[in-house]
Every structure is written in structure tokens, then in C-alpha cells.
Amino acid sequence: MALPSSRPLQQIALSDIAAFTGVVLENGEEFVGRRVDIASDELSGEDVAEVLTRVTGREIHYVELPLEQVRQAMREDGARMFEWFDK
């Protein structure tokens, strides 16, 4: 990714999003007008590589991509997203 290897990034599994969506739908009145940030993990690229190495038994290394490479592949919106993640 186009982030320093030590930059933590909040992440969440799709199944956790689905479960939370169910809670919101069942209790909608409690969430009207509210913004709720959800994340289940906050891991750096180094952390993710470590976990993948342990789980797969294969050596995984984090590689930071140059933002310009991301900009070429994902255009300006993709580059801005990674700039925002880095802040």
C-alpha cells in the first residue's frame, strides 16, 4: 500500500459490518442522527505482514508503494484516499 509500514490503519471485517448493520436496523431509533465510527482492528502494514507470516507459514513482507504508482493505477481519487489514510 502507499503508506509507511508503521502507519496503523483501522480495519474491519465485512461480517462485522453486516452484524452492526443488523443492530442498527433492529434499533433504528437509537441511531437516528448519529454518526458511528466502527473498526475492529488497528494494524500497521508491518503488523499485517507479521500476522500473515504466522498464519500462512510463509514469509510475508510489507512493501510501501510510491504514491505516484497508486495515482497512475487508481487516479487522483485513489491517491487522495491514501494521503488521507496517512494523516
N, C-alpha and C. Protein backbone atom coordinates (compact mmCIF):
# COMPACT_ATOMS: atom_id res chain seq x y z
N MET A 1 0.83 -1.17 0.00
CA MET A 1 0.00 0.00 0.00
C MET A 1 0.89 1.24 0.00
N ALA A 2 0.29 2.35 -0.30
CA ALA A 2 1.03 3.62 -0.33
C ALA A 2 1.00 4.28 1.04
N LEU A 3 1.45 3.53 2.04
CA LEU A 3 1.54 4.03 3.41
C LEU A 3 2.84 3.55 4.02
N PRO A 4 3.42 4.33 4.93
CA PRO A 4 4.60 3.83 5.63
C PRO A 4 4.26 2.53 6.36
N SER A 5 5.24 1.64 6.46
CA SER A 5 4.99 0.33 7.06
C SER A 5 4.54 0.39 8.51
N SER A 6 4.85 1.49 9.19
CA SER A 6 4.48 1.60 10.60
C SER A 6 3.16 2.36 10.82
N ARG A 7 2.54 2.84 9.75
CA ARG A 7 1.30 3.61 9.88
C ARG A 7 0.14 2.69 10.21
N PRO A 8 -0.47 2.84 11.40
CA PRO A 8 -1.64 2.00 11.73
C PRO A 8 -2.85 2.42 10.91
N LEU A 9 -3.64 1.45 10.52
CA LEU A 9 -4.84 1.69 9.72
C LEU A 9 -5.98 0.90 10.33
N GLN A 10 -7.08 1.57 10.64
CA GLN A 10 -8.23 0.87 11.20
C GLN A 10 -8.85 -0.01 10.12
N GLN A 11 -9.24 -1.21 10.51
CA GLN A 11 -9.81 -2.17 9.58
C GLN A 11 -11.00 -2.86 10.24
N ILE A 12 -11.85 -3.41 9.41
CA ILE A 12 -13.00 -4.14 9.94
C ILE A 12 -13.40 -5.20 8.92
N ALA A 13 -13.79 -6.35 9.43
CA ALA A 13 -14.24 -7.45 8.58
C ALA A 13 -15.65 -7.17 8.07
N LEU A 14 -15.92 -7.60 6.87
CA LEU A 14 -17.24 -7.43 6.28
C LEU A 14 -18.32 -8.05 7.16
N SER A 15 -18.02 -9.18 7.77
CA SER A 15 -19.01 -9.83 8.64
C SER A 15 -19.34 -8.96 9.86
N ASP A 16 -18.35 -8.21 10.36
CA ASP A 16 -18.61 -7.30 11.49
C ASP A 16 -19.48 -6.12 11.05
N ILE A 17 -19.26 -5.64 9.83
CA ILE A 17 -20.10 -4.56 9.31
C ILE A 17 -21.54 -5.05 9.17
N ALA A 18 -21.70 -6.26 8.66
CA ALA A 18 -23.04 -6.83 8.50
C ALA A 18 -23.74 -6.99 9.85
N ALA A 19 -23.00 -7.47 10.84
CA ALA A 19 -23.59 -7.66 12.17
C ALA A 19 -24.01 -6.32 12.76
N PHE A 20 -23.17 -5.29 12.61
CA PHE A 20 -23.51 -3.97 13.13
C PHE A 20 -24.71 -3.38 12.38
N THR A 21 -24.77 -3.62 11.09
CA THR A 21 -25.91 -3.15 10.31
C THR A 21 -27.20 -3.75 10.84
N GLY A 22 -27.17 -5.03 11.21
CA GLY A 22 -28.34 -5.67 11.79
C GLY A 22 -28.77 -5.00 13.08
N VAL A 23 -27.81 -4.66 13.92
CA VAL A 23 -28.12 -3.96 15.19
C VAL A 23 -28.77 -2.62 14.89
N VAL A 24 -28.24 -1.90 13.91
CA VAL A 24 -28.80 -0.59 13.56
C VAL A 24 -30.22 -0.73 13.02
N LEU A 25 -30.43 -1.72 12.16
CA LEU A 25 -31.77 -1.91 11.60
C LEU A 25 -32.79 -2.30 12.67
N GLU A 26 -32.36 -3.11 13.62
CA GLU A 26 -33.26 -3.56 14.69
C GLU A 26 -33.52 -2.47 15.73
N ASN A 27 -32.61 -1.51 15.83
CA ASN A 27 -32.71 -0.46 16.86
C ASN A 27 -32.55 0.92 16.23
N GLY A 28 -33.19 1.10 15.09
CA GLY A 28 -33.01 2.31 14.29
C GLY A 28 -33.19 3.60 15.04
N GLU A 29 -34.18 3.66 15.92
CA GLU A 29 -34.46 4.90 16.64
C GLU A 29 -33.27 5.37 17.48
N GLU A 30 -32.45 4.45 17.94
CA GLU A 30 -31.27 4.80 18.74
C GLU A 30 -30.17 5.45 17.90
N PHE A 31 -30.22 5.24 16.58
CA PHE A 31 -29.14 5.70 15.73
C PHE A 31 -29.51 6.89 14.85
N VAL A 32 -30.73 7.33 14.89
CA VAL A 32 -31.18 8.46 14.06
C VAL A 32 -30.34 9.69 14.39
N GLY A 33 -29.76 10.28 13.36
CA GLY A 33 -28.98 11.50 13.52
C GLY A 33 -27.59 11.31 14.11
N ARG A 34 -27.16 10.07 14.32
CA ARG A 34 -25.85 9.79 14.91
C ARG A 34 -24.88 9.31 13.85
N ARG A 35 -23.63 9.62 14.06
CA ARG A 35 -22.55 9.06 13.25
C ARG A 35 -21.78 8.11 14.15
N VAL A 36 -21.56 6.90 13.68
CA VAL A 36 -20.87 5.89 14.47
C VAL A 36 -19.68 5.37 13.67
N ASP A 37 -18.48 5.57 14.19
CA ASP A 37 -17.29 5.02 13.56
C ASP A 37 -17.08 3.61 14.10
N ILE A 38 -16.86 2.66 13.21
CA ILE A 38 -16.65 1.28 13.65
C ILE A 38 -15.34 0.76 13.06
N ALA A 39 -14.61 0.03 13.85
CA ALA A 39 -13.39 -0.65 13.42
C ALA A 39 -13.14 -1.75 14.43
N SER A 40 -12.60 -2.86 13.97
CA SER A 40 -12.34 -3.96 14.90
C SER A 40 -10.85 -4.15 15.16
N ASP A 41 -10.01 -3.62 14.28
CA ASP A 41 -8.56 -3.75 14.44
C ASP A 41 -7.89 -2.47 13.98
N GLU A 42 -6.73 -2.20 14.53
CA GLU A 42 -5.90 -1.10 14.05
C GLU A 42 -4.49 -1.66 13.91
N LEU A 43 -4.12 -1.96 12.68
CA LEU A 43 -2.85 -2.63 12.42
C LEU A 43 -2.02 -1.83 11.42
N SER A 44 -0.71 -1.87 11.60
CA SER A 44 0.20 -1.28 10.62
C SER A 44 0.47 -2.32 9.53
N GLY A 45 1.08 -1.89 8.45
CA GLY A 45 1.48 -2.83 7.40
C GLY A 45 2.42 -3.89 7.94
N GLU A 46 3.33 -3.47 8.83
CA GLU A 46 4.24 -4.43 9.46
C GLU A 46 3.46 -5.47 10.26
N ASP A 47 2.44 -5.01 11.00
CA ASP A 47 1.61 -5.92 11.80
C ASP A 47 0.90 -6.93 10.91
N VAL A 48 0.32 -6.46 9.82
CA VAL A 48 -0.40 -7.34 8.91
C VAL A 48 0.54 -8.38 8.32
N ALA A 49 1.72 -7.96 7.90
CA ALA A 49 2.70 -8.90 7.34
C ALA A 49 3.10 -9.95 8.37
N GLU A 50 3.25 -9.51 9.63
CA GLU A 50 3.59 -10.44 10.71
C GLU A 50 2.50 -11.49 10.92
N VAL A 51 1.26 -11.04 10.95
CA VAL A 51 0.13 -11.95 11.15
C VAL A 51 0.04 -12.93 9.97
N LEU A 52 0.15 -12.42 8.75
CA LEU A 52 0.08 -13.30 7.57
C LEU A 52 1.22 -14.31 7.56
N THR A 53 2.41 -13.89 7.98
CA THR A 53 3.54 -14.81 8.06
C THR A 53 3.24 -15.93 9.05
N ARG A 54 2.71 -15.55 10.21
CA ARG A 54 2.41 -16.55 11.25
C ARG A 54 1.30 -17.50 10.80
N VAL A 55 0.26 -16.97 10.18
CA VAL A 55 -0.90 -17.79 9.81
C VAL A 55 -0.61 -18.69 8.61
N THR A 56 0.12 -18.18 7.63
CA THR A 56 0.37 -18.95 6.41
C THR A 56 1.62 -19.82 6.49
N GLY A 57 2.52 -19.48 7.42
CA GLY A 57 3.79 -20.21 7.48
C GLY A 57 4.75 -19.79 6.38
N ARG A 58 4.41 -18.74 5.67
CA ARG A 58 5.27 -18.22 4.59
C ARG A 58 5.72 -16.81 4.97
N GLU A 59 6.94 -16.48 4.62
CA GLU A 59 7.48 -15.15 4.94
C GLU A 59 6.80 -14.09 4.07
N ILE A 60 6.10 -13.16 4.72
CA ILE A 60 5.41 -12.07 4.03
C ILE A 60 6.06 -10.76 4.45
N HIS A 61 6.34 -9.91 3.48
CA HIS A 61 6.96 -8.61 3.75
C HIS A 61 6.04 -7.49 3.26
N TYR A 62 5.96 -6.43 4.02
CA TYR A 62 5.20 -5.26 3.62
C TYR A 62 6.02 -4.46 2.62
N VAL A 63 5.37 -3.99 1.57
CA VAL A 63 6.04 -3.16 0.58
C VAL A 63 5.25 -1.87 0.44
N GLU A 64 5.91 -0.76 0.69
CA GLU A 64 5.27 0.55 0.52
C GLU A 64 5.38 0.97 -0.95
N LEU A 65 4.24 1.22 -1.55
CA LEU A 65 4.22 1.66 -2.95
C LEU A 65 4.36 3.17 -3.01
N PRO A 66 5.06 3.67 -4.02
CA PRO A 66 5.12 5.12 -4.20
C PRO A 66 3.71 5.65 -4.52
N LEU A 67 3.37 6.78 -3.95
CA LEU A 67 2.06 7.36 -4.18
C LEU A 67 1.80 7.61 -5.67
N GLU A 68 2.85 7.94 -6.40
CA GLU A 68 2.69 8.18 -7.84
C GLU A 68 2.23 6.92 -8.57
N GLN A 69 2.70 5.76 -8.14
CA GLN A 69 2.26 4.49 -8.73
C GLN A 69 0.78 4.26 -8.45
N VAL A 70 0.35 4.57 -7.26
CA VAL A 70 -1.06 4.45 -6.89
C VAL A 70 -1.89 5.44 -7.71
N ARG A 71 -1.37 6.65 -7.88
CA ARG A 71 -2.07 7.67 -8.65
C ARG A 71 -2.29 7.20 -10.10
N GLN A 72 -1.30 6.54 -10.67
CA GLN A 72 -1.43 6.03 -12.04
C GLN A 72 -2.45 4.91 -12.12
N ALA A 73 -2.48 4.05 -11.12
CA ALA A 73 -3.39 2.89 -11.14
C ALA A 73 -4.81 3.25 -10.70
N MET A 74 -4.92 4.14 -9.71
CA MET A 74 -6.23 4.44 -9.10
C MET A 74 -6.68 5.88 -9.34
N ARG A 75 -5.92 6.60 -10.13
CA ARG A 75 -6.21 8.00 -10.44
C ARG A 75 -6.11 8.88 -9.19
N GLU A 76 -6.53 10.10 -9.33
CA GLU A 76 -6.37 11.08 -8.25
C GLU A 76 -7.17 10.72 -7.00
N ASP A 77 -8.37 10.17 -7.19
CA ASP A 77 -9.20 9.81 -6.03
C ASP A 77 -8.50 8.76 -5.16
N GLY A 78 -7.90 7.76 -5.79
CA GLY A 78 -7.18 6.74 -5.04
C GLY A 78 -5.98 7.30 -4.30
N ALA A 79 -5.26 8.21 -4.95
CA ALA A 79 -4.10 8.83 -4.32
C ALA A 79 -4.54 9.68 -3.12
N ARG A 80 -5.62 10.42 -3.29
CA ARG A 80 -6.13 11.24 -2.18
C ARG A 80 -6.57 10.37 -1.00
N MET A 81 -7.14 9.20 -1.30
CA MET A 81 -7.55 8.31 -0.23
C MET A 81 -6.33 7.89 0.62
N PHE A 82 -5.23 7.50 -0.05
CA PHE A 82 -4.05 7.09 0.70
C PHE A 82 -3.39 8.26 1.40
N GLU A 83 -3.45 9.46 0.83
CA GLU A 83 -2.95 10.64 1.52
C GLU A 83 -3.75 10.87 2.80
N TRP A 84 -5.07 10.70 2.72
CA TRP A 84 -5.93 10.86 3.89
C TRP A 84 -5.63 9.80 4.94
N PHE A 85 -5.46 8.52 4.50
CA PHE A 85 -5.12 7.45 5.43
C PHE A 85 -3.81 7.78 6.16
N ASP A 86 -2.87 8.40 5.47
CA ASP A 86 -1.56 8.70 6.06
C ASP A 86 -1.64 9.81 7.09
N LYS A 87 -2.69 10.63 7.03
CA LYS A 87 -2.85 11.69 8.02
C LYS A 87 -3.54 11.16 9.24
